[in-house]
PDB file of N, CA and C in Angstrom:
ATOM      1  N   MET A   1     -14.505   1.593  22.103  1.00  0.00           N
ATOM      2  CA  MET A   1     -14.933   2.882  21.482  1.00  0.00           C
ATOM      3  C   MET A   1     -16.094   2.762  20.694  1.00  0.00           C
ATOM      4  N   ALA A   2     -17.041   3.608  20.884  1.00  0.00           N
ATOM      5  CA  ALA A   2     -18.459   3.537  20.081  1.00  0.00           C
ATOM      6  C   ALA A   2     -18.070   4.185  18.688  1.00  0.00           C
ATOM      7  N   VAL A   3     -18.902   3.698  17.845  1.00  0.00           N
ATOM      8  CA  VAL A   3     -18.870   4.116  16.611  1.00  0.00           C
ATOM      9  C   VAL A   3     -20.062   4.983  16.174  1.00  0.00           C
ATOM     10  N   SER A   4     -19.865   6.093  15.608  1.00  0.00           N
ATOM     11  CA  SER A   4     -20.902   7.308  15.416  1.00  0.00           C
ATOM     12  C   SER A   4     -21.969   6.569  14.464  1.00  0.00           C
ATOM     13  N   ALA A   5     -23.127   7.005  14.477  1.00  0.00           N
ATOM     14  CA  ALA A   5     -24.211   6.564  13.557  1.00  0.00           C
ATOM     15  C   ALA A   5     -23.805   6.789  12.074  1.00  0.00           C
ATOM     16  N   ARG A   6     -23.140   7.845  11.733  1.00  0.00           N
ATOM     17  CA  ARG A   6     -22.653   8.146  10.329  1.00  0.00           C
ATOM     18  C   ARG A   6     -21.721   7.154   9.937  1.00  0.00           C
ATOM     19  N   LYS A   7     -20.855   6.947  10.776  1.00  0.00           N
ATOM     20  CA  LYS A   7     -19.808   6.011  10.552  1.00  0.00           C
ATOM     21  C   LYS A   7     -20.308   4.435  10.237  1.00  0.00           C
ATOM     22  N   ARG A   8     -21.211   4.140  11.114  1.00  0.00           N
ATOM     23  CA  ARG A   8     -22.008   2.851  11.042  1.00  0.00           C
ATOM     24  C   ARG A   8     -22.684   2.724   9.606  1.00  0.00           C
ATOM     25  N   LEU A   9     -23.498   3.896   9.196  1.00  0.00           N
ATOM     26  CA  LEU A   9     -24.221   3.791   8.069  1.00  0.00           C
ATOM     27  C   LEU A   9     -23.310   3.594   6.942  1.00  0.00           C
ATOM     28  N   ASN A  10     -22.050   4.442   6.766  1.00  0.00           N
ATOM     29  CA  ASN A  10     -21.110   4.432   5.763  1.00  0.00           C
ATOM     30  C   ASN A  10     -20.476   2.965   5.526  1.00  0.00           C
ATOM     31  N   ASN A  11     -20.173   2.324   6.795  1.00  0.00           N
ATOM     32  CA  ASN A  11     -19.648   0.997   6.943  1.00  0.00           C
ATOM     33  C   ASN A  11     -20.681   0.006   6.310  1.00  0.00           C
ATOM     34  N   ASP A  12     -21.841   0.169   6.592  1.00  0.00           N
ATOM     35  CA  ASP A  12     -23.001  -0.836   6.084  1.00  0.00           C
ATOM     36  C   ASP A  12     -23.325  -0.639   4.583  1.00  0.00           C
ATOM     37  N   LYS A  13     -23.102   0.618   4.133  1.00  0.00           N
ATOM     38  CA  LYS A  13     -23.314   0.913   2.720  1.00  0.00           C
ATOM     39  C   LYS A  13     -22.054   0.280   2.044  1.00  0.00           C
ATOM     40  N   TYR A  14     -20.948   0.431   2.628  1.00  0.00           N
ATOM     41  CA  TYR A  14     -19.820  -0.204   1.877  1.00  0.00           C
ATOM     42  C   TYR A  14     -19.832  -1.770   1.937  1.00  0.00           C
ATOM     43  N   ASN A  15     -20.261  -2.247   2.984  1.00  0.00           N
ATOM     44  CA  ASN A  15     -20.249  -3.551   3.238  1.00  0.00           C
ATOM     45  C   ASN A  15     -21.352  -4.381   2.442  1.00  0.00           C
ATOM     46  N   ALA A  16     -22.406  -3.526   1.997  1.00  0.00           N
ATOM     47  CA  ALA A  16     -23.413  -4.066   1.120  1.00  0.00           C
ATOM     48  C   ALA A  16     -23.049  -4.322  -0.267  1.00  0.00           C
ATOM     49  N   LYS A  17     -21.854  -3.662  -0.604  1.00  0.00           N
ATOM     50  CA  LYS A  17     -21.379  -3.778  -2.119  1.00  0.00           C
ATOM     51  C   LYS A  17     -20.235  -4.955  -1.990  1.00  0.00           C
ATOM     52  N   CYS A  18     -19.929  -5.467  -0.931  1.00  0.00           N
ATOM     53  CA  CYS A  18     -18.910  -6.569  -0.965  1.00  0.00           C
ATOM     54  C   CYS A  18     -19.540  -7.879  -0.690  1.00  0.00           C
ATOM     55  N   THR A  19     -18.824  -9.009  -1.176  1.00  0.00           N
ATOM     56  CA  THR A  19     -18.907 -10.368  -1.007  1.00  0.00           C
ATOM     57  C   THR A  19     -17.803 -10.980  -0.158  1.00  0.00           C
ATOM     58  N   GLN A  20     -18.194 -11.786   0.775  1.00  0.00           N
ATOM     59  CA  GLN A  20     -17.178 -12.399   1.588  1.00  0.00           C
ATOM     60  C   GLN A  20     -16.853 -13.670   0.882  1.00  0.00           C
ATOM     61  N   ILE A  21     -15.487 -14.019   0.745  1.00  0.00           N
ATOM     62  CA  ILE A  21     -15.008 -15.249   0.219  1.00  0.00           C
ATOM     63  C   ILE A  21     -14.237 -15.976   1.331  1.00  0.00           C
ATOM     64  N   ASN A  22     -14.602 -17.112   1.939  1.00  0.00           N
ATOM     65  CA  ASN A  22     -13.738 -17.568   2.892  1.00  0.00           C
ATOM     66  C   ASN A  22     -12.678 -18.755   2.377  1.00  0.00           C
ATOM     67  N   LEU A  23     -11.477 -18.511   2.838  1.00  0.00           N
ATOM     68  CA  LEU A  23     -10.396 -19.590   2.502  1.00  0.00           C
ATOM     69  C   LEU A  23      -9.996 -20.315   3.712  1.00  0.00           C
ATOM     70  N   LYS A  24      -9.817 -21.527   3.707  1.00  0.00           N
ATOM     71  CA  LYS A  24      -9.221 -22.291   4.741  1.00  0.00           C
ATOM     72  C   LYS A  24      -8.198 -23.031   4.336  1.00  0.00           C
ATOM     73  N   PRO A  25      -6.889 -22.470   4.142  1.00  0.00           N
ATOM     74  CA  PRO A  25      -5.677 -23.165   3.816  1.00  0.00           C
ATOM     75  C   PRO A  25      -5.315 -23.860   5.105  1.00  0.00           C
ATOM     76  N   LEU A  26      -4.325 -24.992   4.812  1.00  0.00           N
ATOM     77  CA  LEU A  26      -3.804 -25.496   5.844  1.00  0.00           C
ATOM     78  C   LEU A  26      -2.952 -24.426   6.632  1.00  0.00           C
ATOM     79  N   THR A  27      -2.659 -24.495   8.043  1.00  0.00           N
ATOM     80  CA  THR A  27      -1.912 -23.688   8.767  1.00  0.00           C
ATOM     81  C   THR A  27      -0.597 -23.265   8.164  1.00  0.00           C
ATOM     82  N   PRO A  28       0.323 -24.246   7.836  1.00  0.00           N
ATOM     83  CA  PRO A  28       1.546 -23.884   7.225  1.00  0.00           C
ATOM     84  C   PRO A  28       1.424 -22.929   5.960  1.00  0.00           C
ATOM     85  N   GLU A  29       0.682 -23.198   5.037  1.00  0.00           N
ATOM     86  CA  GLU A  29       0.383 -22.569   3.989  1.00  0.00           C
ATOM     87  C   GLU A  29      -0.300 -21.170   4.320  1.00  0.00           C
ATOM     88  N   ALA A  30      -1.038 -21.039   5.148  1.00  0.00           N
ATOM     89  CA  ALA A  30      -1.715 -19.804   5.688  1.00  0.00           C
ATOM     90  C   ALA A  30      -0.596 -18.794   6.284  1.00  0.00           C
ATOM     91  N   ASN A  31       0.367 -19.564   6.983  1.00  0.00           N
ATOM     92  CA  ASN A  31       1.483 -18.744   7.603  1.00  0.00           C
ATOM     93  C   ASN A  31       2.305 -18.225   6.517  1.00  0.00           C
ATOM     94  N   ALA A  32       2.720 -19.009   5.635  1.00  0.00           N
ATOM     95  CA  ALA A  32       3.598 -18.620   4.459  1.00  0.00           C
ATOM     96  C   ALA A  32       2.903 -17.458   3.734  1.00  0.00           C
ATOM     97  N   ILE A  33       1.487 -17.574   3.472  1.00  0.00           N
ATOM     98  CA  ILE A  33       0.898 -16.507   2.737  1.00  0.00           C
ATOM     99  C   ILE A  33       0.844 -15.140   3.537  1.00  0.00           C
ATOM    100  N   LYS A  34       0.674 -15.321   4.825  1.00  0.00           N
ATOM    101  CA  LYS A  34       0.573 -14.134   5.648  1.00  0.00           C
ATOM    102  C   LYS A  34       2.127 -13.437   5.724  1.00  0.00           C
ATOM    103  N   ALA A  35       3.117 -14.206   5.828  1.00  0.00           N
ATOM    104  CA  ALA A  35       4.454 -13.895   5.785  1.00  0.00           C
ATOM    105  C   ALA A  35       4.777 -13.033   4.406  1.00  0.00           C
ATOM    106  N   ALA A  36       4.377 -13.659   3.404  1.00  0.00           N
ATOM    107  CA  ALA A  36       4.745 -12.982   2.025  1.00  0.00           C
ATOM    108  C   ALA A  36       3.973 -11.818   1.892  1.00  0.00           C
ATOM    109  N   ALA A  37       2.719 -11.718   2.351  1.00  0.00           N
ATOM    110  CA  ALA A  37       2.016 -10.347   2.433  1.00  0.00           C
ATOM    111  C   ALA A  37       2.690  -9.487   3.081  1.00  0.00           C
ATOM    112  N   ALA A  38       3.154  -9.749   4.391  1.00  0.00           N
ATOM    113  CA  ALA A  38       3.870  -8.901   5.214  1.00  0.00           C
ATOM    114  C   ALA A  38       5.240  -8.373   4.556  1.00  0.00           C
ATOM    115  N   ALA A  39       5.909  -9.324   4.080  1.00  0.00           N
ATOM    116  CA  ALA A  39       7.098  -9.119   3.306  1.00  0.00           C
ATOM    117  C   ALA A  39       7.019  -8.074   2.156  1.00  0.00           C
ATOM    118  N   ALA A  40       5.718  -8.077   1.522  1.00  0.00           N
ATOM    119  CA  ALA A  40       5.468  -7.280   0.301  1.00  0.00           C
ATOM    120  C   ALA A  40       4.789  -6.015   0.769  1.00  0.00           C
ATOM    121  N   GLY A  41       4.640  -5.835   2.174  1.00  0.00           N
ATOM    122  CA  GLY A  41       4.245  -4.645   2.664  1.00  0.00           C
ATOM    123  C   GLY A  41       2.725  -4.399   2.324  1.00  0.00           C
ATOM    124  N   GLN A  42       1.973  -5.551   2.260  1.00  0.00           N
ATOM    125  CA  GLN A  42       0.611  -5.457   1.818  1.00  0.00           C
ATOM    126  C   GLN A  42      -0.370  -5.994   2.955  1.00  0.00           C
ATOM    127  N   SER A  43      -1.608  -5.758   2.912  1.00  0.00           N
ATOM    128  CA  SER A  43      -2.432  -6.464   3.741  1.00  0.00           C
ATOM    129  C   SER A  43      -2.706  -7.974   3.140  1.00  0.00           C
ATOM    130  N   LEU A  44      -3.231  -8.804   3.870  1.00  0.00           N
ATOM    131  CA  LEU A  44      -3.543  -9.983   3.554  1.00  0.00           C
ATOM    132  C   LEU A  44      -4.446 -10.131   2.385  1.00  0.00           C
ATOM    133  N   GLN A  45      -5.639  -9.218   2.475  1.00  0.00           N
ATOM    134  CA  GLN A  45      -6.539  -9.168   1.615  1.00  0.00           C
ATOM    135  C   GLN A  45      -6.022  -8.446   0.063  1.00  0.00           C
ATOM    136  N   GLY A  46      -5.144  -7.569   0.348  1.00  0.00           N
ATOM    137  CA  GLY A  46      -4.532  -6.909  -0.789  1.00  0.00           C
ATOM    138  C   GLY A  46      -3.744  -7.785  -1.604  1.00  0.00           C
ATOM    139  N   TYR A  47      -2.948  -8.531  -0.770  1.00  0.00           N
ATOM    140  CA  TYR A  47      -1.981  -9.593  -1.403  1.00  0.00           C
ATOM    141  C   TYR A  47      -2.604 -10.567  -2.127  1.00  0.00           C
ATOM    142  N   ILE A  48      -3.702 -11.162  -1.525  1.00  0.00           N
ATOM    143  CA  ILE A  48      -4.366 -12.302  -2.295  1.00  0.00           C
ATOM    144  C   ILE A  48      -5.233 -11.783  -3.475  1.00  0.00           C
ATOM    145  N   LEU A  49      -5.892 -10.635  -3.286  1.00  0.00           N
ATOM    146  CA  LEU A  49      -6.668  -9.969  -4.338  1.00  0.00           C
ATOM    147  C   LEU A  49      -5.619  -9.687  -5.775  1.00  0.00           C
ATOM    148  N   GLN A  50      -4.393  -9.230  -5.378  1.00  0.00           N
ATOM    149  CA  GLN A  50      -3.554  -8.959  -6.319  1.00  0.00           C
ATOM    150  C   GLN A  50      -3.024 -10.312  -7.069  1.00  0.00           C
ATOM    151  N   ALA A  51      -2.736 -11.420  -6.322  1.00  0.00           N
ATOM    152  CA  ALA A  51      -2.411 -12.595  -7.051  1.00  0.00           C
ATOM    153  C   ALA A  51      -3.603 -13.150  -7.784  1.00  0.00           C
ATOM    154  N   VAL A  52      -4.795 -12.897  -7.451  1.00  0.00           N
ATOM    155  CA  VAL A  52      -6.006 -13.503  -8.152  1.00  0.00           C
ATOM    156  C   VAL A  52      -6.013 -12.724  -9.489  1.00  0.00           C
ATOM    157  N   ARG A  53      -5.955 -11.391  -9.409  1.00  0.00           N
ATOM    158  CA  ARG A  53      -6.066 -10.375 -10.533  1.00  0.00           C
ATOM    159  C   ARG A  53      -4.848 -10.885 -11.449  1.00  0.00           C
ATOM    160  N   GLU A  54      -3.719 -11.014 -10.973  1.00  0.00           N
ATOM    161  CA  GLU A  54      -2.724 -11.434 -11.960  1.00  0.00           C
ATOM    162  C   GLU A  54      -2.982 -12.848 -12.699  1.00  0.00           C
ATOM    163  N   ARG A  55      -3.428 -13.794 -11.873  1.00  0.00           N
ATOM    164  CA  ARG A  55      -3.647 -15.028 -12.442  1.00  0.00           C
ATOM    165  C   ARG A  55      -4.750 -14.987 -13.490  1.00  0.00           C
ATOM    166  N   MET A  56      -5.959 -14.187 -13.049  1.00  0.00           N
ATOM    167  CA  MET A  56      -6.913 -14.069 -14.030  1.00  0.00           C
ATOM    168  C   MET A  56      -6.458 -13.233 -15.326  1.00  0.00           C
ATOM    169  N   ALA A  57      -5.537 -12.320 -15.258  1.00  0.00           N
ATOM    170  CA  ALA A  57      -4.947 -11.667 -16.603  1.00  0.00           C
ATOM    171  C   ALA A  57      -4.131 -12.667 -17.362  1.00  0.00           C
ATOM    172  N   LYS A  58      -3.356 -13.459 -16.623  1.00  0.00           N
ATOM    173  CA  LYS A  58      -2.532 -14.602 -17.317  1.00  0.00           C
ATOM    174  C   LYS A  58      -3.353 -15.751 -17.936  1.00  0.00           C
ATOM    175  N   ASP A  59      -4.513 -15.836 -17.311  1.00  0.00           N
ATOM    176  CA  ASP A  59      -5.524 -17.062 -17.840  1.00  0.00           C
ATOM    177  C   ASP A  59      -6.201 -16.309 -19.064  1.00  0.00           C
ATOM    178  N   GLY A  60      -6.331 -15.160 -19.242  1.00  0.00           N
ATOM    179  CA  GLY A  60      -6.861 -14.381 -20.404  1.00  0.00           C
ATOM    180  C   GLY A  60      -8.355 -13.875 -19.896  1.00  0.00           C
ATOM    181  N   GLN A  61      -8.476 -13.674 -18.652  1.00  0.00           N
ATOM    182  CA  GLN A  61      -9.823 -13.182 -18.196  1.00  0.00           C
ATOM    183  C   GLN A  61      -9.582 -12.109 -17.165  1.00  0.00           C
ATOM    184  N   PRO A  62      -8.876 -10.898 -17.685  1.00  0.00           N
ATOM    185  CA  PRO A  62      -8.489  -9.975 -16.805  1.00  0.00           C
ATOM    186  C   PRO A  62      -9.964  -9.189 -16.145  1.00  0.00           C
ATOM    187  N   LEU A  63      -9.633  -8.921 -14.857  1.00  0.00           N
ATOM    188  CA  LEU A  63     -10.865  -8.197 -14.190  1.00  0.00           C
ATOM    189  C   LEU A  63     -10.737  -6.750 -14.849  1.00  0.00           C
ATOM    190  N   THR A  64     -11.915  -6.255 -15.291  1.00  0.00           N
ATOM    191  CA  THR A  64     -11.957  -4.828 -15.784  1.00  0.00           C
ATOM    192  C   THR A  64     -12.761  -3.989 -14.772  1.00  0.00           C
ATOM    193  N   LEU A  65     -12.611  -2.743 -14.880  1.00  0.00           N
ATOM    194  CA  LEU A  65     -13.398  -1.975 -14.018  1.00  0.00           C
ATOM    195  C   LEU A  65     -15.022  -2.010 -14.248  1.00  0.00           C
ATOM    196  N   ASP A  66     -15.267  -2.444 -15.244  1.00  0.00           N
ATOM    197  CA  ASP A  66     -16.709  -2.759 -15.570  1.00  0.00           C
ATOM    198  C   ASP A  66     -17.274  -3.904 -14.729  1.00  0.00           C
ATOM    199  N   ASP A  67     -16.459  -4.572 -14.221  1.00  0.00           N
ATOM    200  CA  ASP A  67     -16.847  -5.744 -13.368  1.00  0.00           C
ATOM    201  C   ASP A  67     -17.055  -5.266 -12.007  1.00  0.00           C
ATOM    202  N   LEU A  68     -16.558  -4.016 -11.636  1.00  0.00           N
ATOM    203  CA  LEU A  68     -16.723  -3.694 -10.241  1.00  0.00           C
ATOM    204  C   LEU A  68     -17.793  -2.769  -9.973  1.00  0.00           C
ATOM    205  N   PRO A  69     -18.277  -2.844  -8.760  1.00  0.00           N
ATOM    206  CA  PRO A  69     -19.440  -2.035  -8.533  1.00  0.00           C
ATOM    207  C   PRO A  69     -19.233  -0.603  -8.529  1.00  0.00           C
ATOM    208  N   GLY A  70     -20.050   0.293  -9.003  1.00  0.00           N
ATOM    209  CA  GLY A  70     -20.071   1.678  -9.153  1.00  0.00           C
ATOM    210  C   GLY A  70     -19.140   2.301 -10.267  1.00  0.00           C
ATOM    211  N   ALA A  71     -18.931   1.197 -11.272  1.00  0.00           N
ATOM    212  CA  ALA A  71     -18.043   1.524 -12.444  1.00  0.00           C
ATOM    213  C   ALA A  71     -18.719   1.924 -13.687  1.00  0.00           C
ATOM    214  N   ASP A  72     -20.029   2.348 -13.484  1.00  0.00           N
ATOM    215  CA  ASP A  72     -20.854   2.738 -14.547  1.00  0.00           C
ATOM    216  C   ASP A  72     -20.174   3.884 -15.453  1.00  0.00           C
ATOM    217  N   SER A  73     -19.598   4.877 -14.846  1.00  0.00           N
ATOM    218  CA  SER A  73     -19.064   5.933 -15.769  1.00  0.00           C
ATOM    219  C   SER A  73     -17.557   5.840 -16.129  1.00  0.00           C
ATOM    220  N   VAL A  74     -17.013   4.606 -15.776  1.00  0.00           N
ATOM    221  CA  VAL A  74     -15.648   4.467 -16.072  1.00  0.00           C
ATOM    222  C   VAL A  74     -15.583   3.447 -17.264  1.00  0.00           C
ATOM    223  N   GLY A  75     -14.493   3.681 -17.929  1.00  0.00           N
ATOM    224  CA  GLY A  75     -14.224   2.829 -19.170  1.00  0.00           C
ATOM    225  C   GLY A  75     -13.801   1.293 -18.684  1.00  0.00           C
ATOM    226  N   GLY A  76     -13.470   0.472 -19.808  1.00  0.00           N
ATOM    227  CA  GLY A  76     -13.200  -0.857 -19.669  1.00  0.00           C
ATOM    228  C   GLY A  76     -11.902  -1.092 -19.338  1.00  0.00           C
ATOM    229  N   ASP A  77     -11.027  -0.114 -18.613  1.00  0.00           N
ATOM    230  CA  ASP A  77      -9.743  -0.326 -18.557  1.00  0.00           C
ATOM    231  C   ASP A  77      -9.515  -1.467 -17.426  1.00  0.00           C
ATOM    232  N   SER A  78      -8.441  -2.256 -17.566  1.00  0.00           N
ATOM    233  CA  SER A  78      -8.121  -3.223 -16.550  1.00  0.00           C
ATOM    234  C   SER A  78      -7.672  -2.639 -15.309  1.00  0.00           C
ATOM    235  N   VAL A  79      -8.065  -3.484 -14.301  1.00  0.00           N
ATOM    236  CA  VAL A  79      -7.724  -3.099 -12.889  1.00  0.00           C
ATOM    237  C   VAL A  79      -6.264  -3.327 -12.690  1.00  0.00           C
ATOM    238  N   LYS A  80      -5.511  -2.530 -12.111  1.00  0.00           N
ATOM    239  CA  LYS A  80      -4.049  -2.497 -11.955  1.00  0.00           C
ATOM    240  C   LYS A  80      -3.685  -3.660 -10.973  1.00  0.00           C
ATOM    241  N   PRO A  81      -3.128  -4.711 -11.500  1.00  0.00           N
ATOM    242  CA  PRO A  81      -2.705  -5.786 -10.546  1.00  0.00           C
ATOM    243  C   PRO A  81      -1.801  -5.550  -9.485  1.00  0.00           C
TER     244      PRO A  81
END
């Protein structure tokens, strides 16, 4: 199925704001993480990002909206874990 030019443009604009971080866990650990994400009803990316945000908050370095792209007009509220 072909993607329209507008959809491609919007995808490219969104992807330009993102950074890819690759993980290479051992297969049994990857399978356990995937199963936990599915059991929680979350995507793998959402599950991992939530875990990272919770760890950052626990370590005293909460991710704030100011850290996110396009957050110029938003206050310094913490991102919901």
